[in-house]
Amino acid sequence: MPHKRSSTFEASTMSQAAIRKLVADGIAAALETQTATMAEANNSTREIPVAKRGNYKEFISYQPFYFNGMEGVVGLIRWFKKTESVFSQSNCAEEN
């Protein structure tokens, strides 16, 4: 006969409504803080970095690694890591 578990952990006495209120209050406070920070910055000309649009010729110039499927799982993982490093070196935007 299996042994019954005995727990020393006491069940939480907070209701779902109380938890929801705590979360809502925390979100409201965070939004107020962010709004105040944005208002203090008063920077209407925010500089947003523009992603460089690479082309195929430029990407190939970084000599990406070839994967033919015979290397197995370990080879696939290594290929992913090497290919990610090529993408980071070439400064290609993620959506490209």
N, C-alpha and C. Protein backbone atom coordinates (compact mmCIF):
# COMPACT_ATOMS: atom_id res chain seq x y z
N MET A 1 0.85 -1.18 0.00
CA MET A 1 0.00 0.00 0.00
C MET A 1 0.89 1.24 0.00
N PRO A 2 0.67 2.17 -0.94
CA PRO A 2 1.51 3.35 -1.02
C PRO A 2 1.33 4.25 0.20
N HIS A 3 2.41 4.90 0.54
CA HIS A 3 2.41 5.82 1.66
C HIS A 3 1.73 7.12 1.26
N LYS A 4 0.84 7.64 2.09
CA LYS A 4 0.16 8.90 1.82
C LYS A 4 1.11 10.06 2.10
N ARG A 5 1.05 11.03 1.23
CA ARG A 5 1.90 12.19 1.41
C ARG A 5 1.34 13.09 2.50
N SER A 6 2.22 13.59 3.29
CA SER A 6 1.81 14.58 4.29
C SER A 6 2.56 15.87 3.96
N SER A 7 1.82 16.92 3.83
CA SER A 7 2.41 18.18 3.42
C SER A 7 2.40 19.15 4.59
N THR A 8 3.51 19.89 4.72
CA THR A 8 3.57 20.93 5.74
C THR A 8 3.23 22.29 5.15
N PHE A 9 2.99 22.32 3.84
CA PHE A 9 2.64 23.56 3.16
C PHE A 9 1.18 23.90 3.42
N GLU A 10 0.95 25.10 3.92
CA GLU A 10 -0.42 25.52 4.18
C GLU A 10 -0.99 26.17 2.92
N ALA A 11 -2.22 25.90 2.65
CA ALA A 11 -2.87 26.46 1.47
C ALA A 11 -2.99 27.97 1.62
N SER A 12 -2.88 28.66 0.50
CA SER A 12 -2.98 30.10 0.50
C SER A 12 -4.40 30.52 0.87
N THR A 13 -4.48 31.58 1.66
CA THR A 13 -5.80 32.05 2.08
C THR A 13 -6.31 33.18 1.20
N MET A 14 -5.52 33.56 0.18
CA MET A 14 -5.96 34.63 -0.72
C MET A 14 -6.94 34.08 -1.74
N SER A 15 -7.96 34.85 -2.00
CA SER A 15 -8.94 34.44 -3.01
C SER A 15 -8.45 34.88 -4.39
N GLN A 16 -9.08 34.33 -5.42
CA GLN A 16 -8.71 34.71 -6.78
C GLN A 16 -8.98 36.20 -7.02
N ALA A 17 -10.03 36.72 -6.44
CA ALA A 17 -10.35 38.14 -6.60
C ALA A 17 -9.25 39.02 -5.98
N ALA A 18 -8.74 38.61 -4.83
CA ALA A 18 -7.67 39.38 -4.18
C ALA A 18 -6.39 39.34 -5.01
N ILE A 19 -6.10 38.19 -5.58
CA ILE A 19 -4.91 38.06 -6.42
C ILE A 19 -5.05 38.93 -7.67
N ARG A 20 -6.23 38.90 -8.29
CA ARG A 20 -6.47 39.73 -9.48
C ARG A 20 -6.31 41.21 -9.16
N LYS A 21 -6.81 41.62 -7.98
CA LYS A 21 -6.70 43.03 -7.58
C LYS A 21 -5.24 43.41 -7.38
N LEU A 22 -4.45 42.54 -6.75
CA LEU A 22 -3.03 42.83 -6.57
C LEU A 22 -2.32 42.98 -7.91
N VAL A 23 -2.62 42.10 -8.83
CA VAL A 23 -2.00 42.17 -10.16
C VAL A 23 -2.42 43.44 -10.87
N ALA A 24 -3.70 43.77 -10.84
CA ALA A 24 -4.20 44.99 -11.50
C ALA A 24 -3.57 46.23 -10.89
N ASP A 25 -3.44 46.27 -9.56
CA ASP A 25 -2.81 47.41 -8.90
C ASP A 25 -1.35 47.54 -9.30
N GLY A 26 -0.66 46.41 -9.40
CA GLY A 26 0.75 46.43 -9.80
C GLY A 26 0.92 46.93 -11.23
N ILE A 27 0.05 46.50 -12.11
CA ILE A 27 0.11 46.94 -13.50
C ILE A 27 -0.20 48.43 -13.60
N ALA A 28 -1.21 48.88 -12.86
CA ALA A 28 -1.56 50.30 -12.88
C ALA A 28 -0.40 51.16 -12.38
N ALA A 29 0.26 50.72 -11.33
CA ALA A 29 1.40 51.47 -10.79
C ALA A 29 2.54 51.51 -11.79
N ALA A 30 2.80 50.39 -12.46
CA ALA A 30 3.88 50.35 -13.45
C ALA A 30 3.57 51.27 -14.63
N LEU A 31 2.32 51.30 -15.07
CA LEU A 31 1.93 52.17 -16.18
C LEU A 31 2.06 53.64 -15.80
N GLU A 32 1.68 53.98 -14.56
CA GLU A 32 1.81 55.36 -14.10
C GLU A 32 3.27 55.78 -14.07
N THR A 33 4.14 54.88 -13.59
CA THR A 33 5.57 55.17 -13.53
C THR A 33 6.13 55.37 -14.93
N GLN A 34 5.73 54.52 -15.86
CA GLN A 34 6.21 54.64 -17.23
C GLN A 34 5.72 55.94 -17.87
N THR A 35 4.47 56.29 -17.64
CA THR A 35 3.93 57.53 -18.19
C THR A 35 4.68 58.74 -17.64
N ALA A 36 4.97 58.73 -16.34
CA ALA A 36 5.71 59.83 -15.74
C ALA A 36 7.13 59.91 -16.31
N THR A 37 7.76 58.77 -16.51
CA THR A 37 9.11 58.75 -17.06
C THR A 37 9.12 59.28 -18.49
N MET A 38 8.12 58.90 -19.27
CA MET A 38 8.04 59.37 -20.65
C MET A 38 7.78 60.87 -20.69
N ALA A 39 6.96 61.38 -19.77
CA ALA A 39 6.66 62.80 -19.75
C ALA A 39 7.89 63.61 -19.34
N GLU A 40 8.69 63.08 -18.42
CA GLU A 40 9.89 63.78 -17.97
C GLU A 40 10.94 63.83 -19.07
N ALA A 41 10.99 62.79 -19.89
CA ALA A 41 12.00 62.75 -20.95
C ALA A 41 11.77 63.88 -21.94
N ASN A 42 10.51 64.14 -22.28
CA ASN A 42 10.13 65.25 -23.15
C ASN A 42 10.97 65.28 -24.43
N ASN A 43 11.22 64.11 -24.98
CA ASN A 43 12.02 63.99 -26.18
C ASN A 43 11.11 63.59 -27.33
N SER A 44 10.73 64.57 -28.13
CA SER A 44 9.79 64.29 -29.21
C SER A 44 10.45 63.65 -30.41
N THR A 45 11.76 63.79 -30.53
CA THR A 45 12.47 63.20 -31.67
C THR A 45 13.29 62.00 -31.19
N ARG A 46 12.60 60.98 -30.80
CA ARG A 46 13.29 59.78 -30.33
C ARG A 46 14.00 59.12 -31.50
N GLU A 47 15.23 58.70 -31.23
CA GLU A 47 16.00 58.04 -32.26
C GLU A 47 15.73 56.54 -32.20
N ILE A 48 15.17 56.03 -33.25
CA ILE A 48 14.88 54.61 -33.33
C ILE A 48 15.87 54.01 -34.32
N PRO A 49 16.65 53.02 -33.88
CA PRO A 49 17.62 52.44 -34.81
C PRO A 49 16.91 51.74 -35.97
N VAL A 50 17.37 52.01 -37.15
CA VAL A 50 16.79 51.41 -38.35
C VAL A 50 17.58 50.16 -38.68
N ALA A 51 16.86 49.06 -38.83
CA ALA A 51 17.52 47.80 -39.14
C ALA A 51 18.06 47.84 -40.56
N LYS A 52 19.27 47.37 -40.70
CA LYS A 52 19.89 47.33 -42.01
C LYS A 52 19.26 46.22 -42.83
N ARG A 53 18.87 46.53 -44.03
CA ARG A 53 18.27 45.52 -44.91
C ARG A 53 19.38 44.91 -45.73
N GLY A 54 19.71 43.66 -45.42
CA GLY A 54 20.74 42.97 -46.16
C GLY A 54 20.17 42.31 -47.41
N ASN A 55 21.05 41.97 -48.32
CA ASN A 55 20.61 41.25 -49.50
C ASN A 55 21.31 39.89 -49.55
N TYR A 56 20.91 39.08 -50.49
CA TYR A 56 21.43 37.71 -50.57
C TYR A 56 22.94 37.71 -50.83
N LYS A 57 23.40 38.57 -51.72
CA LYS A 57 24.82 38.61 -52.06
C LYS A 57 25.65 38.96 -50.82
N GLU A 58 25.19 39.93 -50.06
CA GLU A 58 25.90 40.33 -48.85
C GLU A 58 25.91 39.20 -47.81
N PHE A 59 24.78 38.52 -47.67
CA PHE A 59 24.69 37.42 -46.71
C PHE A 59 25.65 36.28 -47.10
N ILE A 60 25.69 35.94 -48.37
CA ILE A 60 26.56 34.86 -48.84
C ILE A 60 28.03 35.24 -48.69
N SER A 61 28.35 36.52 -48.73
CA SER A 61 29.74 36.94 -48.57
C SER A 61 30.30 36.59 -47.19
N TYR A 62 29.42 36.33 -46.22
CA TYR A 62 29.85 35.91 -44.89
C TYR A 62 30.06 34.40 -44.81
N GLN A 63 29.89 33.71 -45.90
CA GLN A 63 30.11 32.27 -46.04
C GLN A 63 29.36 31.46 -44.98
N PRO A 64 28.03 31.44 -45.06
CA PRO A 64 27.26 30.65 -44.10
C PRO A 64 27.56 29.16 -44.28
N PHE A 65 27.41 28.41 -43.22
CA PHE A 65 27.74 26.99 -43.21
C PHE A 65 26.64 26.17 -43.88
N TYR A 66 27.05 25.09 -44.50
CA TYR A 66 26.12 24.21 -45.22
C TYR A 66 25.71 23.06 -44.31
N PHE A 67 24.45 22.69 -44.35
CA PHE A 67 23.94 21.54 -43.59
C PHE A 67 23.19 20.64 -44.55
N ASN A 68 23.63 19.37 -44.65
CA ASN A 68 22.98 18.47 -45.60
C ASN A 68 22.08 17.44 -44.93
N GLY A 69 21.99 17.44 -43.61
CA GLY A 69 21.07 16.54 -42.91
C GLY A 69 21.70 15.24 -42.46
N MET A 70 22.93 14.98 -42.84
CA MET A 70 23.58 13.72 -42.46
C MET A 70 24.35 13.82 -41.15
N GLU A 71 24.45 15.01 -40.58
CA GLU A 71 25.25 15.23 -39.38
C GLU A 71 24.52 14.83 -38.10
N GLY A 72 23.24 14.62 -38.16
CA GLY A 72 22.47 14.24 -36.98
C GLY A 72 22.04 15.45 -36.18
N VAL A 73 21.52 15.16 -35.00
CA VAL A 73 20.97 16.22 -34.14
C VAL A 73 22.05 17.16 -33.66
N VAL A 74 23.19 16.61 -33.24
CA VAL A 74 24.27 17.46 -32.75
C VAL A 74 24.77 18.38 -33.86
N GLY A 75 24.88 17.84 -35.06
CA GLY A 75 25.29 18.66 -36.20
C GLY A 75 24.29 19.75 -36.50
N LEU A 76 23.01 19.44 -36.36
CA LEU A 76 21.96 20.44 -36.59
C LEU A 76 22.05 21.57 -35.58
N ILE A 77 22.27 21.24 -34.32
CA ILE A 77 22.39 22.26 -33.27
C ILE A 77 23.61 23.14 -33.55
N ARG A 78 24.73 22.52 -33.91
CA ARG A 78 25.94 23.30 -34.24
C ARG A 78 25.69 24.21 -35.44
N TRP A 79 24.97 23.68 -36.43
CA TRP A 79 24.67 24.48 -37.63
C TRP A 79 23.81 25.69 -37.27
N PHE A 80 22.80 25.49 -36.38
CA PHE A 80 21.97 26.61 -35.93
C PHE A 80 22.83 27.69 -35.29
N LYS A 81 23.74 27.29 -34.39
CA LYS A 81 24.58 28.26 -33.68
C LYS A 81 25.50 28.99 -34.65
N LYS A 82 26.08 28.26 -35.59
CA LYS A 82 26.97 28.90 -36.57
C LYS A 82 26.19 29.85 -37.46
N THR A 83 25.00 29.45 -37.87
CA THR A 83 24.18 30.30 -38.73
C THR A 83 23.73 31.55 -37.98
N GLU A 84 23.40 31.42 -36.70
CA GLU A 84 23.05 32.59 -35.90
C GLU A 84 24.22 33.56 -35.82
N SER A 85 25.44 33.03 -35.69
CA SER A 85 26.61 33.92 -35.64
C SER A 85 26.80 34.65 -36.97
N VAL A 86 26.51 33.97 -38.08
CA VAL A 86 26.61 34.63 -39.39
C VAL A 86 25.58 35.75 -39.48
N PHE A 87 24.35 35.51 -39.00
CA PHE A 87 23.33 36.56 -39.01
C PHE A 87 23.74 37.74 -38.15
N SER A 88 24.34 37.48 -36.99
CA SER A 88 24.73 38.59 -36.12
C SER A 88 25.89 39.38 -36.74
N GLN A 89 26.80 38.70 -37.43
CA GLN A 89 27.92 39.40 -38.08
C GLN A 89 27.44 40.24 -39.25
N SER A 90 26.45 39.74 -39.98
CA SER A 90 25.99 40.44 -41.17
C SER A 90 25.00 41.55 -40.86
N ASN A 91 24.58 41.66 -39.60
CA ASN A 91 23.64 42.70 -39.17
C ASN A 91 22.33 42.66 -39.95
N CYS A 92 21.88 41.47 -40.29
CA CYS A 92 20.61 41.33 -40.98
C CYS A 92 19.47 41.54 -40.00
N ALA A 93 18.40 42.17 -40.46
CA ALA A 93 17.22 42.34 -39.62
C ALA A 93 16.54 40.99 -39.46
N GLU A 94 15.88 40.77 -38.33
CA GLU A 94 15.27 39.48 -38.04
C GLU A 94 14.17 39.11 -39.02
N GLU A 95 13.41 40.09 -39.50
CA GLU A 95 12.30 39.76 -40.39
C GLU A 95 12.78 39.42 -41.79
N ASN A 96 14.05 39.67 -42.10
CA ASN A 96 14.56 39.33 -43.42
C ASN A 96 14.91 37.87 -43.43
